[in-house]
Amino acid sequence: MEWRRFLLLVSFAVVVFAASCSQNKIADGTTASVSANPQPAPRMFDRRVLDVAGFHNLNEFIRPDVRMRLDKEPVGDGDEYVEQPSVSDSSLSDEPSGETVNSEDDTDIDTRARDLEKVKFSWARKKFGDALVADSTVTGAIVLYADENFYDVYKMLHHIDQGRDRIAADGGFDASRIQVIFGGYRGRAQVELWIIPEGVNLPEAKPEDREANGPAN
C-alpha cells in the first residue's frame, strides 16, 4: 500500500510539473508573438509651419476683433491711439495710383498673386498623397494647430480642407480618406500630416501650454 501511495504522489508531481512547463511555454510564445508583431500606431509624415517669412499669407485668417485692435497702436502712456496700416494689407494691394496700369505692372501683380497662392498651399505636399496611394489600407489626417484667440480657426480649417482636396486631386483618390481636425493651441500656426494604419485611432492632439508662451497677442 505504501509503495502505491508513493507512485501516486510521484505521478501527481509529474503531471503538475508538465502542466506548469506547458503554461510557461504558452506564455513565452504569446510574449514573443506580441513583441514580434507590435500594434500599429499613427505615423507623422510631416510637420509644416503655415506662416511663411516675407509673405502675408495668414493675414486673411486673423479674427476681425484682433485686426481692429492691431490696426490701432497705443501712443505714450495715455489712452490715445493712432491709426496704423491695416494688417490685412499686403504687397498685392500696392497697385500704382492713377487711371491706368501698364501691362508690366499687371504682370507683376499676377506673378505675386500666383506666388502667394503657391505659398499658402506649400504645406499640402503631393508626397503625402503618394504615400496614401501606395498603401490602400491606410488613411490620412491633417491636424491644425493655431491660436484660436488670434486666428479664425473655422476659416483656417476651411483653408486646410482646400489643401486636402488638392492633395487628393493630385493623387487621384477620394478626399474623405484624409480627415482634417483642430488639435488646439500652438504659438505658431502649423499642420501635422499623419498616416493612419487600418483600424487605428487618430493621433492624440498635443497642443502647447498657452501660459508657457506668455500673454496672448
C-alpha atoms as a PDB file:
ATOM      1  CA  MET A   1       0.000   0.000   0.000  1.00  0.00           C
ATOM      2  CA  GLU A   2       2.799   2.395   0.834  1.00  0.00           C
ATOM      3  CA  TRP A   3       4.535   1.921  -2.494  1.00  0.00           C
ATOM      4  CA  ARG A   4       1.253   2.517  -4.350  1.00  0.00           C
ATOM      5  CA  ARG A   5       0.727   5.759  -2.459  1.00  0.00           C
ATOM      6  CA  PHE A   6       4.277   6.759  -3.290  1.00  0.00           C
ATOM      7  CA  LEU A   7       3.727   6.074  -7.009  1.00  0.00           C
ATOM      8  CA  LEU A   8       0.523   8.119  -6.961  1.00  0.00           C
ATOM      9  CA  LEU A   9       2.329  11.053  -5.373  1.00  0.00           C
ATOM     10  CA  VAL A  10       5.151  10.826  -7.919  1.00  0.00           C
ATOM     11  CA  SER A  11       2.671  10.650 -10.815  1.00  0.00           C
ATOM     12  CA  PHE A  12       0.781  13.672  -9.491  1.00  0.00           C
ATOM     13  CA  ALA A  13       4.004  15.665  -9.155  1.00  0.00           C
ATOM     14  CA  VAL A  14       4.993  14.777 -12.746  1.00  0.00           C
ATOM     15  CA  VAL A  15       1.590  15.923 -14.083  1.00  0.00           C
ATOM     16  CA  VAL A  16       1.762  19.219 -12.177  1.00  0.00           C
ATOM     17  CA  PHE A  17       5.281  19.867 -13.416  1.00  0.00           C
ATOM     18  CA  ALA A  18       4.329  19.111 -17.030  1.00  0.00           C
ATOM     19  CA  ALA A  19       1.324  21.417 -16.850  1.00  0.00           C
ATOM     20  CA  SER A  20       3.472  24.202 -15.401  1.00  0.00           C
ATOM     21  CA  CYS A  21       6.028  23.884 -18.188  1.00  0.00           C
ATOM     22  CA  SER A  22       3.293  23.923 -20.824  1.00  0.00           C
ATOM     23  CA  GLN A  23       1.819  27.145 -19.423  1.00  0.00           C
ATOM     24  CA  ASN A  24       5.247  28.786 -19.345  1.00  0.00           C
ATOM     25  CA  LYS A  25       5.803  27.858 -22.994  1.00  0.00           C
ATOM     26  CA  ILE A  26       2.427  29.306 -23.961  1.00  0.00           C
ATOM     27  CA  ALA A  27       3.147  32.498 -22.031  1.00  0.00           C
ATOM     28  CA  ASP A  28       6.602  32.809 -23.575  1.00  0.00           C
ATOM     29  CA  GLY A  29       5.173  32.202 -27.025  1.00  0.00           C
ATOM     30  CA  THR A  30       2.484  34.826 -26.537  1.00  0.00           C
ATOM     31  CA  THR A  31       5.013  37.378 -25.325  1.00  0.00           C
ATOM     32  CA  ALA A  32       7.291  36.665 -28.246  1.00  0.00           C
ATOM     33  CA  SER A  33       4.395  36.944 -30.669  1.00  0.00           C
ATOM     34  CA  VAL A  34       3.287  40.299 -29.255  1.00  0.00           C
ATOM     35  CA  SER A  35       6.861  41.557 -29.285  1.00  0.00           C
ATOM     36  CA  ALA A  36       7.365  40.433 -32.883  1.00  0.00           C
ATOM     37  CA  ASN A  37       4.074  41.982 -34.023  1.00  0.00           C
ATOM     38  CA  PRO A  38       3.596  45.267 -32.147  1.00  0.00           C
ATOM     39  CA  GLN A  39       0.309  47.130 -32.511  1.00  0.00           C
ATOM     40  CA  PRO A  40       0.420  49.637 -35.382  1.00  0.00           C
ATOM     41  CA  ALA A  41       0.341  53.306 -34.495  1.00  0.00           C
ATOM     42  CA  PRO A  42      -0.221  56.559 -36.371  1.00  0.00           C
ATOM     43  CA  ARG A  43       2.942  57.834 -38.039  1.00  0.00           C
ATOM     44  CA  MET A  44       3.697  61.515 -38.544  1.00  0.00           C
ATOM     45  CA  PHE A  45       4.572  62.118 -42.170  1.00  0.00           C
ATOM     46  CA  ASP A  46       5.490  65.798 -41.907  1.00  0.00           C
ATOM     47  CA  ARG A  47       5.039  68.996 -39.894  1.00  0.00           C
ATOM     48  CA  ARG A  48       4.804  72.396 -41.559  1.00  0.00           C
ATOM     49  CA  VAL A  49       4.592  75.956 -40.186  1.00  0.00           C
ATOM     50  CA  LEU A  50       1.917  77.926 -42.023  1.00  0.00           C
ATOM     51  CA  ASP A  51       3.216  81.487 -41.741  1.00  0.00           C
ATOM     52  CA  VAL A  52       5.935  81.981 -44.336  1.00  0.00           C
ATOM     53  CA  ALA A  53       8.527  84.694 -43.824  1.00  0.00           C
ATOM     54  CA  GLY A  54       8.210  87.546 -46.282  1.00  0.00           C
ATOM     55  CA  PHE A  55       4.562  86.868 -47.084  1.00  0.00           C
ATOM     56  CA  HIS A  56       1.246  87.890 -45.535  1.00  0.00           C
ATOM     57  CA  ASN A  57      -0.356  84.535 -46.194  1.00  0.00           C
ATOM     58  CA  LEU A  58      -2.081  84.285 -42.794  1.00  0.00           C
ATOM     59  CA  ASN A  59      -3.435  87.826 -42.562  1.00  0.00           C
ATOM     60  CA  GLU A  60      -6.791  86.816 -44.021  1.00  0.00           C
ATOM     61  CA  PHE A  61      -7.326  84.414 -41.112  1.00  0.00           C
ATOM     62  CA  ILE A  62      -6.838  86.969 -38.330  1.00  0.00           C
ATOM     63  CA  ARG A  63     -10.014  87.435 -36.338  1.00  0.00           C
ATOM     64  CA  PRO A  64     -11.829  90.738 -37.077  1.00  0.00           C
ATOM     65  CA  ASP A  65     -11.707  91.849 -33.444  1.00  0.00           C
ATOM     66  CA  VAL A  66      -7.958  91.201 -33.321  1.00  0.00           C
ATOM     67  CA  ARG A  67      -7.438  93.025 -36.614  1.00  0.00           C
ATOM     68  CA  MET A  68      -9.251  96.079 -35.307  1.00  0.00           C
ATOM     69  CA  ARG A  69      -7.076  96.066 -32.214  1.00  0.00           C
ATOM     70  CA  LEU A  70      -3.867  95.661 -34.212  1.00  0.00           C
ATOM     71  CA  ASP A  71      -4.827  98.456 -36.586  1.00  0.00           C
ATOM     72  CA  LYS A  72      -4.627 100.826 -33.620  1.00  0.00           C
ATOM     73  CA  GLU A  73      -1.477 101.030 -31.592  1.00  0.00           C
ATOM     74  CA  PRO A  74      -1.259 102.864 -28.248  1.00  0.00           C
ATOM     75  CA  VAL A  75       0.847 106.012 -28.151  1.00  0.00           C
ATOM     76  CA  GLY A  76       2.668 107.000 -24.959  1.00  0.00           C
ATOM     77  CA  ASP A  77       1.256 106.212 -21.543  1.00  0.00           C
ATOM     78  CA  GLY A  78      -2.236 107.588 -22.151  1.00  0.00           C
ATOM     79  CA  ASP A  79      -5.296 106.223 -23.819  1.00  0.00           C
ATOM     80  CA  GLU A  80      -4.633 107.900 -27.141  1.00  0.00           C
ATOM     81  CA  TYR A  81      -4.438 105.630 -30.167  1.00  0.00           C
ATOM     82  CA  VAL A  82      -3.101 106.243 -33.618  1.00  0.00           C
ATOM     83  CA  GLU A  83      -4.285 104.529 -36.775  1.00  0.00           C
ATOM     84  CA  GLN A  84      -1.770 102.104 -38.289  1.00  0.00           C
ATOM     85  CA  PRO A  85      -1.795 100.443 -41.718  1.00  0.00           C
ATOM     86  CA  SER A  86      -4.176  97.501 -41.668  1.00  0.00           C
ATOM     87  CA  VAL A  87      -2.566  94.146 -41.032  1.00  0.00           C
ATOM     88  CA  SER A  88      -4.664  92.809 -43.876  1.00  0.00           C
ATOM     89  CA  ASP A  89      -2.719  94.948 -46.341  1.00  0.00           C
ATOM     90  CA  SER A  90      -0.207  93.062 -48.440  1.00  0.00           C
ATOM     91  CA  SER A  91       2.064  93.696 -51.361  1.00  0.00           C
ATOM     92  CA  LEU A  92      -0.741  92.527 -53.639  1.00  0.00           C
ATOM     93  CA  SER A  93      -2.717  95.697 -52.917  1.00  0.00           C
ATOM     94  CA  ASP A  94       0.161  98.040 -53.698  1.00  0.00           C
ATOM     95  CA  GLU A  95      -1.137  98.986 -57.127  1.00  0.00           C
ATOM     96  CA  PRO A  96       0.036 102.237 -58.745  1.00  0.00           C
ATOM     97  CA  SER A  97      -2.285 105.188 -58.350  1.00  0.00           C
ATOM     98  CA  GLY A  98      -3.875 106.667 -61.443  1.00  0.00           C
ATOM     99  CA  GLU A  99      -6.420 105.699 -64.036  1.00  0.00           C
ATOM    100  CA  THR A 100      -4.355 103.165 -65.944  1.00  0.00           C
ATOM    101  CA  VAL A 101      -1.940 100.384 -65.092  1.00  0.00           C
ATOM    102  CA  ASN A 102       0.583  99.291 -67.654  1.00  0.00           C
ATOM    103  CA  SER A 103       0.983  95.665 -68.716  1.00  0.00           C
ATOM    104  CA  GLU A 104       4.232  95.203 -66.805  1.00  0.00           C
ATOM    105  CA  ASP A 105       2.508  96.168 -63.559  1.00  0.00           C
ATOM    106  CA  ASP A 106      -0.324  93.761 -64.394  1.00  0.00           C
ATOM    107  CA  THR A 107       2.229  91.017 -64.940  1.00  0.00           C
ATOM    108  CA  ASP A 108       3.950  91.762 -61.639  1.00  0.00           C
ATOM    109  CA  ILE A 109       0.642  91.655 -59.755  1.00  0.00           C
ATOM    110  CA  ASP A 110      -0.351  88.361 -61.386  1.00  0.00           C
ATOM    111  CA  THR A 111       3.050  86.890 -60.574  1.00  0.00           C
ATOM    112  CA  ARG A 112       2.808  87.953 -56.926  1.00  0.00           C
ATOM    113  CA  ALA A 113      -0.717  86.531 -56.752  1.00  0.00           C
ATOM    114  CA  ARG A 114       0.488  83.167 -58.080  1.00  0.00           C
ATOM    115  CA  ASP A 115       3.434  83.190 -55.701  1.00  0.00           C
ATOM    116  CA  LEU A 116       1.181  83.914 -52.731  1.00  0.00           C
ATOM    117  CA  GLU A 117      -1.233  81.167 -53.761  1.00  0.00           C
ATOM    118  CA  LYS A 118       1.680  78.752 -54.012  1.00  0.00           C
ATOM    119  CA  VAL A 119       2.965  79.765 -50.579  1.00  0.00           C
ATOM    120  CA  LYS A 120      -0.467  79.429 -48.986  1.00  0.00           C
ATOM    121  CA  PHE A 121      -0.620  75.771 -50.017  1.00  0.00           C
ATOM    122  CA  SER A 122       3.079  74.921 -49.748  1.00  0.00           C
ATOM    123  CA  TRP A 123       2.258  72.616 -46.826  1.00  0.00           C
ATOM    124  CA  ALA A 124      -0.099  70.473 -48.982  1.00  0.00           C
ATOM    125  CA  ARG A 125       2.580  68.035 -50.082  1.00  0.00           C
ATOM    126  CA  LYS A 126       1.923  65.759 -53.036  1.00  0.00           C
ATOM    127  CA  LYS A 127       4.208  63.148 -51.451  1.00  0.00           C
ATOM    128  CA  PHE A 128       1.681  62.812 -48.637  1.00  0.00           C
ATOM    129  CA  GLY A 129      -0.954  61.798 -51.156  1.00  0.00           C
ATOM    130  CA  ASP A 130       1.532  59.477 -52.856  1.00  0.00           C
ATOM    131  CA  ALA A 131       2.040  57.657 -49.533  1.00  0.00           C
ATOM    132  CA  LEU A 132      -1.707  57.083 -49.255  1.00  0.00           C
ATOM    133  CA  VAL A 133      -1.903  55.853 -52.840  1.00  0.00           C
ATOM    134  CA  ALA A 134       0.955  53.428 -52.225  1.00  0.00           C
ATOM    135  CA  ASP A 135      -0.976  51.713 -49.392  1.00  0.00           C
ATOM    136  CA  SER A 136      -4.728  51.469 -49.868  1.00  0.00           C
ATOM    137  CA  THR A 137      -5.215  50.181 -46.303  1.00  0.00           C
ATOM    138  CA  VAL A 138      -4.106  53.411 -44.631  1.00  0.00           C
ATOM    139  CA  THR A 139      -5.840  56.760 -44.292  1.00  0.00           C
ATOM    140  CA  GLY A 140      -4.506  60.218 -43.555  1.00  0.00           C
ATOM    141  CA  ALA A 141      -5.074  63.006 -41.061  1.00  0.00           C
ATOM    142  CA  ILE A 142      -4.151  66.683 -41.118  1.00  0.00           C
ATOM    143  CA  VAL A 143      -4.024  68.232 -37.648  1.00  0.00           C
ATOM    144  CA  LEU A 144      -4.185  72.021 -37.484  1.00  0.00           C
ATOM    145  CA  TYR A 145      -2.688  73.862 -34.514  1.00  0.00           C
ATOM    146  CA  ALA A 146      -3.185  77.603 -34.072  1.00  0.00           C
ATOM    147  CA  ASP A 147      -4.010  80.322 -31.560  1.00  0.00           C
ATOM    148  CA  GLU A 148      -7.807  80.396 -31.689  1.00  0.00           C
ATOM    149  CA  ASN A 149      -7.760  83.718 -29.839  1.00  0.00           C
ATOM    150  CA  PHE A 150      -5.830  85.295 -32.710  1.00  0.00           C
ATOM    151  CA  TYR A 151      -6.986  83.390 -35.788  1.00  0.00           C
ATOM    152  CA  ASP A 152     -10.424  82.435 -37.069  1.00  0.00           C
ATOM    153  CA  VAL A 153      -9.980  78.680 -36.706  1.00  0.00           C
ATOM    154  CA  TYR A 154     -13.078  77.795 -38.733  1.00  0.00           C
ATOM    155  CA  LYS A 155     -11.767  79.836 -41.640  1.00  0.00           C
ATOM    156  CA  MET A 156      -8.352  78.204 -41.288  1.00  0.00           C
ATOM    157  CA  LEU A 157      -9.933  74.746 -41.243  1.00  0.00           C
ATOM    158  CA  HIS A 158     -11.691  75.588 -44.500  1.00  0.00           C
ATOM    159  CA  HIS A 159      -8.303  76.517 -45.945  1.00  0.00           C
ATOM    160  CA  ILE A 160      -6.872  73.184 -44.761  1.00  0.00           C
ATOM    161  CA  ASP A 161      -9.846  71.422 -46.369  1.00  0.00           C
ATOM    162  CA  GLN A 162      -8.930  73.105 -49.660  1.00  0.00           C
ATOM    163  CA  GLY A 163      -5.342  71.901 -49.328  1.00  0.00           C
ATOM    164  CA  ARG A 164      -6.584  68.400 -48.507  1.00  0.00           C
ATOM    165  CA  ASP A 165      -8.708  68.444 -51.660  1.00  0.00           C
ATOM    166  CA  ARG A 166      -5.653  69.443 -53.707  1.00  0.00           C
ATOM    167  CA  ILE A 167      -3.654  66.538 -52.305  1.00  0.00           C
ATOM    168  CA  ALA A 168      -6.466  64.112 -53.081  1.00  0.00           C
ATOM    169  CA  ALA A 169      -6.945  65.503 -56.604  1.00  0.00           C
ATOM    170  CA  ASP A 170      -3.220  65.154 -57.350  1.00  0.00           C
ATOM    171  CA  GLY A 171      -3.256  61.585 -56.039  1.00  0.00           C
ATOM    172  CA  GLY A 172      -6.493  60.612 -57.748  1.00  0.00           C
ATOM    173  CA  PHE A 173      -8.275  59.379 -54.615  1.00  0.00           C
ATOM    174  CA  ASP A 174     -11.308  60.417 -52.573  1.00  0.00           C
ATOM    175  CA  ALA A 175     -10.588  63.334 -50.239  1.00  0.00           C
ATOM    176  CA  SER A 176     -12.576  61.555 -47.490  1.00  0.00           C
ATOM    177  CA  ARG A 177      -9.506  59.362 -46.922  1.00  0.00           C
ATOM    178  CA  ILE A 178      -7.915  62.368 -45.200  1.00  0.00           C
ATOM    179  CA  GLN A 179      -9.517  63.767 -42.052  1.00  0.00           C
ATOM    180  CA  VAL A 180      -8.931  67.379 -41.015  1.00  0.00           C
ATOM    181  CA  ILE A 181      -9.065  68.178 -37.299  1.00  0.00           C
ATOM    182  CA  PHE A 182      -8.146  71.043 -34.979  1.00  0.00           C
ATOM    183  CA  GLY A 183      -5.580  69.969 -32.408  1.00  0.00           C
ATOM    184  CA  GLY A 184      -5.672  73.045 -30.170  1.00  0.00           C
ATOM    185  CA  TYR A 185      -3.398  75.950 -29.337  1.00  0.00           C
ATOM    186  CA  ARG A 186       0.157  76.413 -30.514  1.00  0.00           C
ATOM    187  CA  GLY A 187       2.095  79.643 -30.598  1.00  0.00           C
ATOM    188  CA  ARG A 188       2.753  79.348 -34.348  1.00  0.00           C
ATOM    189  CA  ALA A 189       0.098  78.122 -36.743  1.00  0.00           C
ATOM    190  CA  GLN A 190       1.141  74.781 -38.178  1.00  0.00           C
ATOM    191  CA  VAL A 191      -0.140  71.498 -39.558  1.00  0.00           C
ATOM    192  CA  GLU A 192       0.915  67.917 -38.985  1.00  0.00           C
ATOM    193  CA  LEU A 193       0.367  65.296 -41.692  1.00  0.00           C
ATOM    194  CA  TRP A 194      -0.270  61.791 -40.350  1.00  0.00           C
ATOM    195  CA  ILE A 195      -0.502  58.281 -41.823  1.00  0.00           C
ATOM    196  CA  ILE A 196      -3.133  56.175 -40.013  1.00  0.00           C
ATOM    197  CA  PRO A 197      -2.971  52.347 -40.294  1.00  0.00           C
ATOM    198  CA  GLU A 198      -6.231  50.494 -40.729  1.00  0.00           C
ATOM    199  CA  GLY A 199      -8.208  50.088 -37.512  1.00  0.00           C
ATOM    200  CA  VAL A 200      -6.088  52.630 -35.621  1.00  0.00           C
ATOM    201  CA  ASN A 201      -7.441  55.757 -33.937  1.00  0.00           C
ATOM    202  CA  LEU A 202      -6.459  59.279 -34.921  1.00  0.00           C
ATOM    203  CA  PRO A 203      -3.244  60.631 -33.360  1.00  0.00           C
ATOM    204  CA  GLU A 204      -3.545  62.231 -29.947  1.00  0.00           C
ATOM    205  CA  ALA A 205      -3.511  66.009 -30.184  1.00  0.00           C
ATOM    206  CA  LYS A 206      -0.594  67.680 -28.419  1.00  0.00           C
ATOM    207  CA  PRO A 207      -1.296  71.406 -28.011  1.00  0.00           C
ATOM    208  CA  GLU A 208       1.178  73.722 -26.343  1.00  0.00           C
ATOM    209  CA  ASP A 209       0.726  75.360 -22.954  1.00  0.00           C
ATOM    210  CA  ARG A 210      -0.681  78.804 -23.667  1.00  0.00           C
ATOM    211  CA  GLU A 211       0.586  80.223 -20.366  1.00  0.00           C
ATOM    212  CA  ALA A 212       4.091  78.994 -21.071  1.00  0.00           C
ATOM    213  CA  ASN A 213       4.193  81.098 -24.251  1.00  0.00           C
ATOM    214  CA  GLY A 214       3.320  84.301 -22.447  1.00  0.00           C
ATOM    215  CA  PRO A 215       0.309  86.570 -22.851  1.00  0.00           C
ATOM    216  CA  ALA A 216      -1.824  86.214 -25.934  1.00  0.00           C
ATOM    217  CA  ASN A 217      -1.461  88.714 -28.760  1.00  0.00           C
END
